[in-house]
Amino acid sequence: MSWQIERLRGSAVDFHARAIPGVPSRQVWAFHVDRPAIALGSAQPVAHLDEAACAQDGVEILRRRSGGGAVLLIPDEIVWIDVILPAGDELWHDDISRAGWWLAEVWAATCTGLLGGVPVEVHRAGMVTGAWSTHVCFAGLGPGEVTVDGQKLVGVSQRRTRFAARFQTAVHRRWNASRTCGLLSDPSIDPDDLAPVAVIDRPIDETVDAFVEELIRVA
């Protein structure tokens, strides 16, 4: 089964609002944000953010329909790829905690290649929480996410309907803990309190190309 690949650029708010097709097929949506935004998790209170600081910094606020903490989306600093998988696909798994393992393997192989053979691991155990993981996505680690040298490298969340799953994945080119903390309402959160985050400082299109090539090869 082939994959439909789309490369898009624009507002993170508009992209998150994009609907899963009524008749879904295997799709990849690679998105370049053209303005800063911060995406809250589906159940995360907006009170976690300093809305005035976000406005002053020109950062749009949105709420995604998948769980987890906030993700800061800065143009040219994050690789954002969503994968649409139809229900009943041979890659589908009913267990939500295991549903993204296949995708994590694709990302792990992609990252190993881009990092010159550095060992990359898929986290298959339960949720690992940090002091501020309810506030910041990359401060915790969930099933099906990817690490290198013990540091989170690829974040994964998912939204499921009767017809499909939308896996939202992100890997940083640069990790700006200070800017993230500056947008949070709790002044006690120090950048050093957030878990170390690994990055892949390669051009976004190069990372997307490598991911798509690996996805087609194994899936």
N, C-alpha and C. Protein backbone atom coordinates (compact mmCIF):
# COMPACT_ATOMS: atom_id res chain seq x y z
N MET A 1 0.85 -1.19 0.00
CA MET A 1 0.00 0.00 0.00
C MET A 1 0.89 1.24 0.00
N SER A 2 0.60 2.19 -0.85
CA SER A 2 1.44 3.36 -1.00
C SER A 2 1.05 4.46 -0.01
N TRP A 3 1.95 5.42 0.14
CA TRP A 3 1.72 6.56 1.01
C TRP A 3 1.52 7.82 0.17
N GLN A 4 0.57 8.63 0.59
CA GLN A 4 0.39 9.95 -0.02
C GLN A 4 1.17 10.95 0.81
N ILE A 5 2.09 11.67 0.17
CA ILE A 5 2.97 12.59 0.88
C ILE A 5 2.57 14.03 0.58
N GLU A 6 2.37 14.82 1.62
CA GLU A 6 2.08 16.24 1.45
C GLU A 6 3.07 17.06 2.27
N ARG A 7 3.58 18.12 1.65
CA ARG A 7 4.46 19.05 2.35
C ARG A 7 3.74 20.39 2.39
N LEU A 8 3.56 20.90 3.60
CA LEU A 8 2.71 22.07 3.81
C LEU A 8 3.47 23.12 4.61
N ARG A 9 3.05 24.36 4.47
CA ARG A 9 3.64 25.47 5.22
C ARG A 9 2.52 26.42 5.62
N GLY A 10 2.58 26.94 6.84
CA GLY A 10 1.56 27.88 7.28
C GLY A 10 1.46 27.95 8.78
N SER A 11 0.27 28.29 9.24
CA SER A 11 0.01 28.47 10.67
C SER A 11 -0.20 27.13 11.36
N ALA A 12 0.42 26.97 12.53
CA ALA A 12 0.21 25.75 13.30
C ALA A 12 -1.25 25.62 13.73
N VAL A 13 -1.91 26.74 13.98
CA VAL A 13 -3.32 26.71 14.36
C VAL A 13 -4.15 26.07 13.25
N ASP A 14 -3.91 26.50 12.01
CA ASP A 14 -4.66 25.96 10.88
C ASP A 14 -4.34 24.48 10.66
N PHE A 15 -3.07 24.13 10.83
CA PHE A 15 -2.67 22.76 10.57
C PHE A 15 -3.28 21.80 11.59
N HIS A 16 -3.27 22.20 12.86
CA HIS A 16 -3.86 21.34 13.88
C HIS A 16 -5.35 21.14 13.65
N ALA A 17 -6.01 22.15 13.07
CA ALA A 17 -7.44 22.05 12.82
C ALA A 17 -7.76 21.21 11.59
N ARG A 18 -6.75 20.80 10.85
CA ARG A 18 -6.98 20.02 9.65
C ARG A 18 -7.66 18.70 10.00
N ALA A 19 -8.72 18.39 9.29
CA ALA A 19 -9.51 17.21 9.61
C ALA A 19 -8.91 15.95 9.01
N ILE A 20 -9.05 14.84 9.72
CA ILE A 20 -8.71 13.54 9.15
C ILE A 20 -9.71 13.25 8.04
N PRO A 21 -9.25 12.83 6.87
CA PRO A 21 -10.18 12.58 5.75
C PRO A 21 -11.28 11.60 6.13
N GLY A 22 -12.48 11.85 5.58
CA GLY A 22 -13.61 10.98 5.85
C GLY A 22 -13.39 9.56 5.36
N VAL A 23 -12.69 9.44 4.24
CA VAL A 23 -12.27 8.13 3.73
C VAL A 23 -10.75 8.12 3.79
N PRO A 24 -10.18 7.75 4.93
CA PRO A 24 -8.73 7.91 5.12
C PRO A 24 -7.91 6.91 4.31
N SER A 25 -6.71 7.33 3.99
CA SER A 25 -5.72 6.47 3.36
C SER A 25 -4.40 6.71 4.08
N ARG A 26 -3.39 5.94 3.75
CA ARG A 26 -2.07 6.18 4.34
C ARG A 26 -1.52 7.52 3.85
N GLN A 27 -1.28 8.42 4.77
CA GLN A 27 -0.82 9.75 4.39
C GLN A 27 0.28 10.23 5.33
N VAL A 28 1.15 11.08 4.79
CA VAL A 28 2.18 11.77 5.57
C VAL A 28 2.01 13.25 5.33
N TRP A 29 1.88 14.02 6.42
CA TRP A 29 1.79 15.47 6.33
C TRP A 29 3.02 16.06 7.00
N ALA A 30 3.94 16.57 6.21
CA ALA A 30 5.13 17.23 6.74
C ALA A 30 4.87 18.73 6.75
N PHE A 31 4.95 19.32 7.93
CA PHE A 31 4.50 20.71 8.07
C PHE A 31 5.62 21.63 8.54
N HIS A 32 5.78 22.75 7.85
CA HIS A 32 6.71 23.81 8.24
C HIS A 32 5.89 24.95 8.83
N VAL A 33 6.08 25.25 10.11
CA VAL A 33 5.37 26.40 10.69
C VAL A 33 6.01 27.69 10.18
N ASP A 34 5.17 28.68 9.87
CA ASP A 34 5.70 29.95 9.36
C ASP A 34 5.66 31.06 10.40
N ARG A 35 5.21 30.72 11.62
CA ARG A 35 5.19 31.68 12.72
C ARG A 35 5.22 30.88 14.03
N PRO A 36 5.74 31.48 15.10
CA PRO A 36 5.85 30.74 16.36
C PRO A 36 4.47 30.40 16.93
N ALA A 37 4.39 29.24 17.57
CA ALA A 37 3.16 28.81 18.22
C ALA A 37 3.52 27.87 19.35
N ILE A 38 2.61 27.73 20.30
CA ILE A 38 2.78 26.75 21.36
C ILE A 38 1.50 25.94 21.43
N ALA A 39 1.66 24.61 21.37
CA ALA A 39 0.52 23.70 21.30
C ALA A 39 0.32 23.05 22.67
N LEU A 40 -0.83 23.33 23.29
CA LEU A 40 -1.19 22.68 24.55
C LEU A 40 -1.71 21.28 24.28
N GLY A 41 -1.52 20.37 25.23
CA GLY A 41 -2.13 19.07 25.14
C GLY A 41 -3.64 19.16 25.29
N SER A 42 -4.34 18.11 24.91
CA SER A 42 -5.80 18.15 24.88
C SER A 42 -6.42 18.47 26.23
N ALA A 43 -5.82 17.98 27.31
CA ALA A 43 -6.40 18.20 28.65
C ALA A 43 -5.59 19.20 29.47
N GLN A 44 -4.63 19.84 28.88
CA GLN A 44 -3.74 20.74 29.62
C GLN A 44 -4.42 22.10 29.84
N PRO A 45 -4.43 22.61 31.05
CA PRO A 45 -5.07 23.91 31.29
C PRO A 45 -4.29 25.05 30.66
N VAL A 46 -5.01 26.00 30.10
CA VAL A 46 -4.35 27.16 29.50
C VAL A 46 -3.63 27.98 30.57
N ALA A 47 -4.04 27.76 31.83
CA ALA A 47 -3.39 28.47 32.94
C ALA A 47 -1.91 28.10 33.08
N HIS A 48 -1.48 27.02 32.43
CA HIS A 48 -0.05 26.68 32.45
C HIS A 48 0.77 27.71 31.68
N LEU A 49 0.12 28.49 30.83
CA LEU A 49 0.82 29.47 30.01
C LEU A 49 0.65 30.88 30.57
N ASP A 50 1.66 31.70 30.33
CA ASP A 50 1.58 33.14 30.58
C ASP A 50 1.10 33.76 29.27
N GLU A 51 -0.19 34.00 29.16
CA GLU A 51 -0.75 34.45 27.89
C GLU A 51 -0.19 35.80 27.47
N ALA A 52 0.09 36.66 28.42
CA ALA A 52 0.67 37.96 28.08
C ALA A 52 2.07 37.79 27.51
N ALA A 53 2.85 36.88 28.08
CA ALA A 53 4.20 36.63 27.57
C ALA A 53 4.14 36.04 26.17
N CYS A 54 3.18 35.15 25.93
CA CYS A 54 3.02 34.58 24.59
C CYS A 54 2.69 35.67 23.58
N ALA A 55 1.76 36.56 23.95
CA ALA A 55 1.38 37.64 23.04
C ALA A 55 2.56 38.57 22.76
N GLN A 56 3.31 38.89 23.79
CA GLN A 56 4.46 39.78 23.63
C GLN A 56 5.53 39.15 22.75
N ASP A 57 5.66 37.83 22.83
CA ASP A 57 6.68 37.12 22.04
C ASP A 57 6.15 36.73 20.66
N GLY A 58 4.90 37.07 20.36
CA GLY A 58 4.33 36.75 19.06
C GLY A 58 4.08 35.27 18.87
N VAL A 59 3.74 34.56 19.96
CA VAL A 59 3.54 33.12 19.91
C VAL A 59 2.05 32.80 19.95
N GLU A 60 1.53 32.18 18.90
CA GLU A 60 0.13 31.76 18.89
C GLU A 60 -0.08 30.62 19.88
N ILE A 61 -1.27 30.56 20.47
CA ILE A 61 -1.63 29.49 21.39
C ILE A 61 -2.70 28.62 20.72
N LEU A 62 -2.50 27.32 20.76
CA LEU A 62 -3.49 26.41 20.23
C LEU A 62 -3.58 25.19 21.13
N ARG A 63 -4.66 24.45 20.96
CA ARG A 63 -4.84 23.21 21.70
C ARG A 63 -4.97 22.07 20.71
N ARG A 64 -4.07 21.08 20.84
CA ARG A 64 -4.17 19.93 19.97
C ARG A 64 -5.13 18.91 20.56
N ARG A 65 -5.55 17.97 19.75
CA ARG A 65 -6.53 16.98 20.20
C ARG A 65 -5.85 15.70 20.68
N SER A 66 -4.55 15.73 20.84
CA SER A 66 -3.81 14.61 21.40
C SER A 66 -3.24 15.03 22.74
N GLY A 67 -2.91 14.07 23.57
CA GLY A 67 -2.52 14.35 24.93
C GLY A 67 -1.09 14.82 25.08
N GLY A 68 -0.73 15.09 26.35
CA GLY A 68 0.64 15.48 26.66
C GLY A 68 0.74 16.94 27.06
N GLY A 69 2.00 17.38 27.25
CA GLY A 69 2.25 18.77 27.62
C GLY A 69 2.48 19.64 26.40
N ALA A 70 2.85 20.88 26.66
CA ALA A 70 2.99 21.88 25.60
C ALA A 70 4.23 21.62 24.74
N VAL A 71 4.10 21.97 23.47
CA VAL A 71 5.22 21.90 22.52
C VAL A 71 5.37 23.27 21.87
N LEU A 72 6.56 23.84 21.99
CA LEU A 72 6.85 25.12 21.35
C LEU A 72 7.30 24.87 19.92
N LEU A 73 6.62 25.51 18.97
CA LEU A 73 6.86 25.31 17.54
C LEU A 73 7.43 26.59 16.95
N ILE A 74 8.71 26.55 16.65
CA ILE A 74 9.41 27.72 16.12
C ILE A 74 9.84 27.43 14.68
N PRO A 75 9.59 28.36 13.75
CA PRO A 75 9.99 28.12 12.36
C PRO A 75 11.46 27.74 12.25
N ASP A 76 11.71 26.70 11.47
CA ASP A 76 13.06 26.20 11.17
C ASP A 76 13.76 25.58 12.38
N GLU A 77 13.05 25.41 13.50
CA GLU A 77 13.67 24.81 14.68
C GLU A 77 13.07 23.46 15.06
N ILE A 78 12.02 23.03 14.34
CA ILE A 78 11.38 21.76 14.70
C ILE A 78 10.89 21.07 13.43
N VAL A 79 11.07 19.77 13.39
CA VAL A 79 10.55 18.94 12.30
C VAL A 79 9.23 18.35 12.79
N TRP A 80 8.18 18.60 12.05
CA TRP A 80 6.84 18.19 12.47
C TRP A 80 6.24 17.35 11.35
N ILE A 81 6.00 16.09 11.65
CA ILE A 81 5.43 15.16 10.66
C ILE A 81 4.26 14.43 11.29
N ASP A 82 3.11 14.51 10.65
CA ASP A 82 1.93 13.74 11.06
C ASP A 82 1.73 12.58 10.10
N VAL A 83 1.31 11.46 10.63
CA VAL A 83 1.07 10.25 9.83
C VAL A 83 -0.36 9.80 10.05
N ILE A 84 -1.10 9.64 8.97
CA ILE A 84 -2.48 9.17 9.02
C ILE A 84 -2.50 7.69 8.66
N LEU A 85 -3.06 6.89 9.56
CA LEU A 85 -3.14 5.44 9.34
C LEU A 85 -4.61 5.01 9.44
N PRO A 86 -5.17 4.44 8.36
CA PRO A 86 -6.57 4.02 8.41
C PRO A 86 -6.78 2.87 9.40
N ALA A 87 -7.93 2.86 10.05
CA ALA A 87 -8.30 1.74 10.90
C ALA A 87 -8.36 0.47 10.06
N GLY A 88 -7.84 -0.63 10.60
CA GLY A 88 -7.82 -1.89 9.88
C GLY A 88 -6.60 -2.09 9.01
N ASP A 89 -5.77 -1.07 8.87
CA ASP A 89 -4.51 -1.23 8.14
C ASP A 89 -3.67 -2.32 8.80
N GLU A 90 -2.82 -2.97 8.03
CA GLU A 90 -1.99 -4.04 8.59
C GLU A 90 -1.06 -3.53 9.68
N LEU A 91 -0.80 -2.21 9.71
CA LEU A 91 0.03 -1.62 10.75
C LEU A 91 -0.77 -1.21 11.99
N TRP A 92 -2.08 -1.29 11.91
CA TRP A 92 -2.95 -0.85 12.99
C TRP A 92 -2.83 -1.76 14.20
N HIS A 93 -2.89 -1.17 15.39
CA HIS A 93 -2.92 -1.94 16.63
C HIS A 93 -3.96 -1.33 17.55
N ASP A 94 -4.85 -2.16 18.10
CA ASP A 94 -5.92 -1.65 18.95
C ASP A 94 -5.41 -1.12 20.28
N ASP A 95 -4.30 -1.64 20.75
CA ASP A 95 -3.72 -1.19 22.01
C ASP A 95 -3.04 0.16 21.77
N ILE A 96 -3.58 1.22 22.37
CA ILE A 96 -3.06 2.56 22.11
C ILE A 96 -1.60 2.68 22.50
N SER A 97 -1.20 2.02 23.59
CA SER A 97 0.18 2.13 24.05
C SER A 97 1.17 1.48 23.08
N ARG A 98 0.69 0.52 22.28
CA ARG A 98 1.55 -0.16 21.32
C ARG A 98 1.34 0.33 19.88
N ALA A 99 0.32 1.15 19.70
CA ALA A 99 -0.11 1.49 18.34
C ALA A 99 0.96 2.21 17.53
N GLY A 100 1.83 2.96 18.21
CA GLY A 100 2.83 3.74 17.49
C GLY A 100 4.22 3.13 17.46
N TRP A 101 4.36 1.88 17.94
CA TRP A 101 5.69 1.29 17.98
C TRP A 101 6.30 1.16 16.59
N TRP A 102 5.48 0.79 15.62
CA TRP A 102 6.00 0.64 14.25
C TRP A 102 6.53 1.97 13.73
N LEU A 103 5.81 3.05 14.06
CA LEU A 103 6.23 4.38 13.61
C LEU A 103 7.50 4.82 14.33
N ALA A 104 7.60 4.47 15.61
CA ALA A 104 8.81 4.78 16.35
C ALA A 104 10.02 4.08 15.75
N GLU A 105 9.82 2.85 15.27
CA GLU A 105 10.92 2.13 14.63
C GLU A 105 11.37 2.84 13.35
N VAL A 106 10.40 3.38 12.60
CA VAL A 106 10.75 4.15 11.41
C VAL A 106 11.58 5.37 11.80
N TRP A 107 11.13 6.07 12.82
CA TRP A 107 11.88 7.25 13.27
C TRP A 107 13.25 6.86 13.81
N ALA A 108 13.33 5.77 14.54
CA ALA A 108 14.61 5.35 15.10
C ALA A 108 15.62 5.06 14.00
N ALA A 109 15.20 4.35 12.96
CA ALA A 109 16.10 4.07 11.84
C ALA A 109 16.49 5.34 11.12
N THR A 110 15.53 6.25 10.95
CA THR A 110 15.81 7.53 10.31
C THR A 110 16.85 8.31 11.09
N CYS A 111 16.64 8.40 12.41
CA CYS A 111 17.55 9.18 13.25
C CYS A 111 18.94 8.56 13.33
N THR A 112 19.00 7.23 13.38
CA THR A 112 20.30 6.57 13.40
C THR A 112 21.11 6.95 12.17
N GLY A 113 20.45 6.95 11.01
CA GLY A 113 21.13 7.34 9.79
C GLY A 113 21.59 8.79 9.82
N LEU A 114 20.72 9.69 10.26
CA LEU A 114 21.04 11.11 10.28
C LEU A 114 22.10 11.45 11.32
N LEU A 115 22.18 10.63 12.38
CA LEU A 115 23.17 10.87 13.43
C LEU A 115 24.45 10.08 13.23
N GLY A 116 24.60 9.50 12.06
CA GLY A 116 25.85 8.82 11.73
C GLY A 116 26.04 7.51 12.45
N GLY A 117 24.94 6.79 12.71
CA GLY A 117 25.05 5.47 13.32
C GLY A 117 24.97 5.45 14.83
N VAL A 118 24.72 6.60 15.45
CA VAL A 118 24.57 6.63 16.91
C VAL A 118 23.37 5.78 17.32
N PRO A 119 23.50 4.90 18.32
CA PRO A 119 22.37 4.04 18.72
C PRO A 119 21.18 4.86 19.20
N VAL A 120 20.02 4.51 18.68
CA VAL A 120 18.77 5.18 19.02
C VAL A 120 17.81 4.11 19.53
N GLU A 121 17.02 4.43 20.56
CA GLU A 121 16.15 3.43 21.18
C GLU A 121 14.69 3.86 21.14
N VAL A 122 13.81 2.86 21.03
CA VAL A 122 12.37 3.07 21.13
C VAL A 122 11.93 2.74 22.55
N HIS A 123 11.21 3.66 23.18
CA HIS A 123 10.72 3.43 24.54
C HIS A 123 9.42 2.64 24.47
N ARG A 124 9.44 1.41 24.99
CA ARG A 124 8.27 0.54 24.94
C ARG A 124 7.65 0.32 26.31
N ALA A 125 8.21 0.91 27.33
CA ALA A 125 7.63 0.78 28.68
C ALA A 125 6.56 1.85 28.88
N GLY A 126 6.10 1.98 30.13
CA GLY A 126 5.04 2.94 30.43
C GLY A 126 5.53 4.37 30.46
N MET A 127 4.62 5.25 30.79
CA MET A 127 4.93 6.68 30.83
C MET A 127 5.99 6.98 31.89
N VAL A 128 6.97 7.77 31.51
CA VAL A 128 7.98 8.25 32.45
C VAL A 128 7.74 9.74 32.65
N THR A 129 7.37 10.12 33.84
CA THR A 129 7.06 11.52 34.11
C THR A 129 8.25 12.22 34.76
N GLY A 130 8.36 13.49 34.46
CA GLY A 130 9.35 14.34 35.09
C GLY A 130 8.65 15.39 35.93
N ALA A 131 9.43 16.25 36.57
CA ALA A 131 8.84 17.25 37.45
C ALA A 131 7.87 18.16 36.71
N TRP A 132 8.13 18.40 35.43
CA TRP A 132 7.30 19.35 34.68
C TRP A 132 6.72 18.73 33.41
N SER A 133 6.59 17.41 33.38
CA SER A 133 6.09 16.76 32.16
C SER A 133 4.61 17.06 31.90
N THR A 134 3.86 17.46 32.93
CA THR A 134 2.48 17.87 32.68
C THR A 134 2.42 19.23 32.00
N HIS A 135 3.51 19.98 32.07
CA HIS A 135 3.57 21.30 31.46
C HIS A 135 4.23 21.27 30.08
N VAL A 136 5.30 20.48 29.95
CA VAL A 136 6.11 20.48 28.72
C VAL A 136 6.24 19.06 28.21
N CYS A 137 5.85 18.84 26.98
CA CYS A 137 5.86 17.49 26.39
C CYS A 137 7.22 16.83 26.49
N PHE A 138 8.27 17.55 26.13
CA PHE A 138 9.59 16.95 26.06
C PHE A 138 10.25 16.81 27.43
N ALA A 139 9.50 17.10 28.50
CA ALA A 139 10.00 16.85 29.86
C ALA A 139 9.59 15.48 30.37
N GLY A 140 8.86 14.72 29.56
CA GLY A 140 8.47 13.37 29.91
C GLY A 140 8.71 12.43 28.75
N LEU A 141 8.41 11.15 28.94
CA LEU A 141 8.66 10.15 27.91
C LEU A 141 7.52 9.14 27.91
N GLY A 142 6.92 8.94 26.72
CA GLY A 142 5.79 8.03 26.62
C GLY A 142 6.10 6.83 25.74
N PRO A 143 5.24 5.81 25.77
CA PRO A 143 5.43 4.64 24.92
C PRO A 143 5.47 5.02 23.44
N GLY A 144 6.44 4.43 22.74
CA GLY A 144 6.55 4.70 21.31
C GLY A 144 7.32 5.95 20.97
N GLU A 145 7.93 6.59 21.97
CA GLU A 145 8.80 7.74 21.68
C GLU A 145 10.25 7.25 21.56
N VAL A 146 11.11 8.13 21.10
CA VAL A 146 12.46 7.72 20.71
C VAL A 146 13.49 8.51 21.52
N THR A 147 14.53 7.81 21.98
CA THR A 147 15.58 8.45 22.77
C THR A 147 16.96 8.15 22.17
N VAL A 148 17.92 8.98 22.54
CA VAL A 148 19.32 8.74 22.23
C VAL A 148 20.14 9.17 23.44
N ASP A 149 21.02 8.29 23.89
CA ASP A 149 21.82 8.55 25.09
C ASP A 149 20.94 8.95 26.27
N GLY A 150 19.76 8.35 26.36
CA GLY A 150 18.87 8.63 27.47
C GLY A 150 18.09 9.92 27.35
N GLN A 151 18.26 10.66 26.27
CA GLN A 151 17.56 11.91 26.08
C GLN A 151 16.44 11.75 25.05
N LYS A 152 15.32 12.36 25.31
CA LYS A 152 14.20 12.28 24.38
C LYS A 152 14.57 12.95 23.07
N LEU A 153 14.29 12.26 21.97
CA LEU A 153 14.63 12.77 20.65
C LEU A 153 13.39 13.02 19.81
N VAL A 154 12.46 12.08 19.80
CA VAL A 154 11.24 12.20 19.00
C VAL A 154 10.03 12.08 19.91
N GLY A 155 9.19 13.10 19.90
CA GLY A 155 7.94 13.06 20.63
C GLY A 155 6.82 12.55 19.73
N VAL A 156 5.92 11.74 20.30
CA VAL A 156 4.82 11.17 19.54
C VAL A 156 3.53 11.28 20.35
N SER A 157 2.48 11.74 19.72
CA SER A 157 1.15 11.69 20.33
C SER A 157 0.19 11.22 19.25
N GLN A 158 -1.01 10.87 19.66
CA GLN A 158 -1.95 10.36 18.66
C GLN A 158 -3.37 10.75 19.00
N ARG A 159 -4.14 10.91 17.94
CA ARG A 159 -5.58 11.10 18.04
C ARG A 159 -6.23 10.01 17.21
N ARG A 160 -7.21 9.32 17.80
CA ARG A 160 -7.85 8.21 17.10
C ARG A 160 -9.34 8.49 16.91
N THR A 161 -9.84 8.11 15.75
CA THR A 161 -11.27 8.13 15.47
C THR A 161 -11.69 6.71 15.10
N ARG A 162 -12.95 6.55 14.74
CA ARG A 162 -13.41 5.23 14.29
C ARG A 162 -12.72 4.83 13.00
N PHE A 163 -12.23 5.82 12.25
CA PHE A 163 -11.77 5.55 10.90
C PHE A 163 -10.25 5.57 10.73
N ALA A 164 -9.55 6.21 11.66
CA ALA A 164 -8.10 6.39 11.44
C ALA A 164 -7.43 6.84 12.73
N ALA A 165 -6.11 6.80 12.70
CA ALA A 165 -5.28 7.40 13.75
C ALA A 165 -4.43 8.49 13.11
N ARG A 166 -4.31 9.59 13.81
CA ARG A 166 -3.40 10.66 13.38
C ARG A 166 -2.26 10.72 14.40
N PHE A 167 -1.10 10.24 13.99
CA PHE A 167 0.09 10.29 14.83
C PHE A 167 0.80 11.62 14.57
N GLN A 168 1.04 12.35 15.63
CA GLN A 168 1.76 13.62 15.51
C GLN A 168 3.15 13.43 16.09
N THR A 169 4.16 13.68 15.27
CA THR A 169 5.54 13.44 15.68
C THR A 169 6.37 14.70 15.51
N ALA A 170 7.34 14.87 16.38
CA ALA A 170 8.19 16.07 16.32
C ALA A 170 9.59 15.75 16.81
N VAL A 171 10.56 16.34 16.16
CA VAL A 171 11.95 16.27 16.59
C VAL A 171 12.56 17.66 16.44
N HIS A 172 13.32 18.07 17.43
CA HIS A 172 13.87 19.42 17.42
C HIS A 172 15.17 19.51 16.61
N ARG A 173 15.30 20.60 15.89
CA ARG A 173 16.61 20.97 15.34
C ARG A 173 17.41 21.74 16.38
N ARG A 174 16.68 22.50 17.17
CA ARG A 174 17.28 23.23 18.30
C ARG A 174 16.30 23.13 19.47
N TRP A 175 16.83 23.03 20.67
CA TRP A 175 15.99 22.94 21.86
C TRP A 175 16.20 24.19 22.69
N ASN A 176 15.15 24.99 22.80
CA ASN A 176 15.25 26.28 23.50
C ASN A 176 14.45 26.22 24.79
N ALA A 177 15.05 25.64 25.82
CA ALA A 177 14.36 25.50 27.10
C ALA A 177 14.04 26.85 27.73
N SER A 178 14.93 27.81 27.57
CA SER A 178 14.72 29.13 28.17
C SER A 178 13.49 29.81 27.58
N ARG A 179 13.35 29.75 26.26
CA ARG A 179 12.20 30.39 25.64
C ARG A 179 10.91 29.69 26.04
N THR A 180 10.96 28.35 26.12
CA THR A 180 9.78 27.61 26.56
C THR A 180 9.37 28.02 27.97
N CYS A 181 10.33 28.06 28.89
CA CYS A 181 10.02 28.43 30.28
C CYS A 181 9.48 29.85 30.37
N GLY A 182 9.97 30.72 29.49
CA GLY A 182 9.51 32.11 29.51
C GLY A 182 8.06 32.28 29.13
N LEU A 183 7.46 31.24 28.54
CA LEU A 183 6.05 31.30 28.14
C LEU A 183 5.14 30.61 29.14
N LEU A 184 5.72 29.99 30.17
CA LEU A 184 4.93 29.30 31.18
C LEU A 184 4.59 30.24 32.33
N SER A 185 3.47 29.98 32.98
CA SER A 185 2.99 30.89 34.02
C SER A 185 3.69 30.68 35.35
N ASP A 186 4.26 29.50 35.57
CA ASP A 186 4.89 29.22 36.86
C ASP A 186 6.34 29.71 36.82
N PRO A 187 6.66 30.77 37.56
CA PRO A 187 8.02 31.33 37.51
C PRO A 187 9.07 30.45 38.17
N SER A 188 8.61 29.41 38.88
CA SER A 188 9.58 28.54 39.55
C SER A 188 10.22 27.53 38.61
N ILE A 189 9.69 27.40 37.38
CA ILE A 189 10.25 26.43 36.42
C ILE A 189 11.52 27.03 35.82
N ASP A 190 12.62 26.37 36.08
CA ASP A 190 13.91 26.81 35.55
C ASP A 190 14.26 25.96 34.34
N PRO A 191 14.90 26.54 33.32
CA PRO A 191 15.28 25.73 32.15
C PRO A 191 16.07 24.48 32.50
N ASP A 192 16.87 24.57 33.54
CA ASP A 192 17.67 23.41 33.95
C ASP A 192 16.81 22.31 34.57
N ASP A 193 15.56 22.65 34.94
CA ASP A 193 14.66 21.65 35.52
C ASP A 193 14.07 20.73 34.47
N LEU A 194 14.08 21.16 33.21
CA LEU A 194 13.53 20.35 32.14
C LEU A 194 14.53 19.28 31.73
N ALA A 195 14.02 18.11 31.41
CA ALA A 195 14.91 17.02 31.02
C ALA A 195 15.71 17.39 29.79
N PRO A 196 16.97 16.94 29.68
CA PRO A 196 17.74 17.20 28.46
C PRO A 196 17.02 16.63 27.25
N VAL A 197 17.09 17.35 26.16
CA VAL A 197 16.43 16.95 24.92
C VAL A 197 17.47 16.85 23.82
N ALA A 198 17.44 15.75 23.07
CA ALA A 198 18.36 15.56 21.95
C ALA A 198 17.80 16.25 20.70
N VAL A 199 18.67 16.63 19.79
CA VAL A 199 18.26 17.32 18.57
C VAL A 199 18.91 16.68 17.36
N ILE A 200 18.34 16.94 16.20
CA ILE A 200 18.97 16.59 14.92
C ILE A 200 19.10 17.89 14.14
N ASP A 201 20.28 18.47 14.16
CA ASP A 201 20.47 19.77 13.53
C ASP A 201 20.83 19.59 12.06
N ARG A 202 19.85 19.11 11.31
CA ARG A 202 19.99 18.97 9.87
C ARG A 202 18.86 19.78 9.23
N PRO A 203 19.00 20.17 7.95
CA PRO A 203 17.89 20.88 7.30
C PRO A 203 16.61 20.09 7.39
N ILE A 204 15.51 20.79 7.61
CA ILE A 204 14.22 20.12 7.81
C ILE A 204 13.88 19.21 6.64
N ASP A 205 14.06 19.70 5.42
CA ASP A 205 13.72 18.89 4.25
C ASP A 205 14.56 17.62 4.19
N GLU A 206 15.80 17.68 4.64
CA GLU A 206 16.66 16.49 4.64
C GLU A 206 16.11 15.45 5.61
N THR A 207 15.68 15.89 6.78
CA THR A 207 15.11 14.97 7.75
C THR A 207 13.80 14.37 7.25
N VAL A 208 12.96 15.21 6.66
CA VAL A 208 11.69 14.72 6.11
C VAL A 208 11.95 13.70 5.01
N ASP A 209 12.89 14.00 4.11
CA ASP A 209 13.22 13.07 3.03
C ASP A 209 13.68 11.72 3.58
N ALA A 210 14.53 11.77 4.60
CA ALA A 210 15.05 10.53 5.19
C ALA A 210 13.94 9.73 5.86
N PHE A 211 13.03 10.43 6.53
CA PHE A 211 11.91 9.75 7.17
C PHE A 211 11.01 9.08 6.13
N VAL A 212 10.66 9.81 5.10
CA VAL A 212 9.77 9.26 4.06
C VAL A 212 10.41 8.06 3.38
N GLU A 213 11.70 8.16 3.09
CA GLU A 213 12.40 7.04 2.46
C GLU A 213 12.36 5.80 3.35
N GLU A 214 12.59 5.98 4.64
CA GLU A 214 12.57 4.83 5.55
C GLU A 214 11.15 4.29 5.71
N LEU A 215 10.18 5.19 5.78
CA LEU A 215 8.78 4.76 5.91
C LEU A 215 8.37 3.89 4.72
N ILE A 216 8.70 4.33 3.53
CA ILE A 216 8.34 3.56 2.34
C ILE A 216 9.06 2.23 2.32
N ARG A 217 10.31 2.21 2.81
CA ARG A 217 11.10 0.98 2.78
C ARG A 217 10.52 -0.09 3.69
N VAL A 218 10.09 0.31 4.90
CA VAL A 218 9.68 -0.70 5.88
C VAL A 218 8.17 -0.88 5.97
N ALA A 219 7.42 0.08 5.48
CA ALA A 219 5.96 0.03 5.68
C ALA A 219 5.24 0.10 4.36
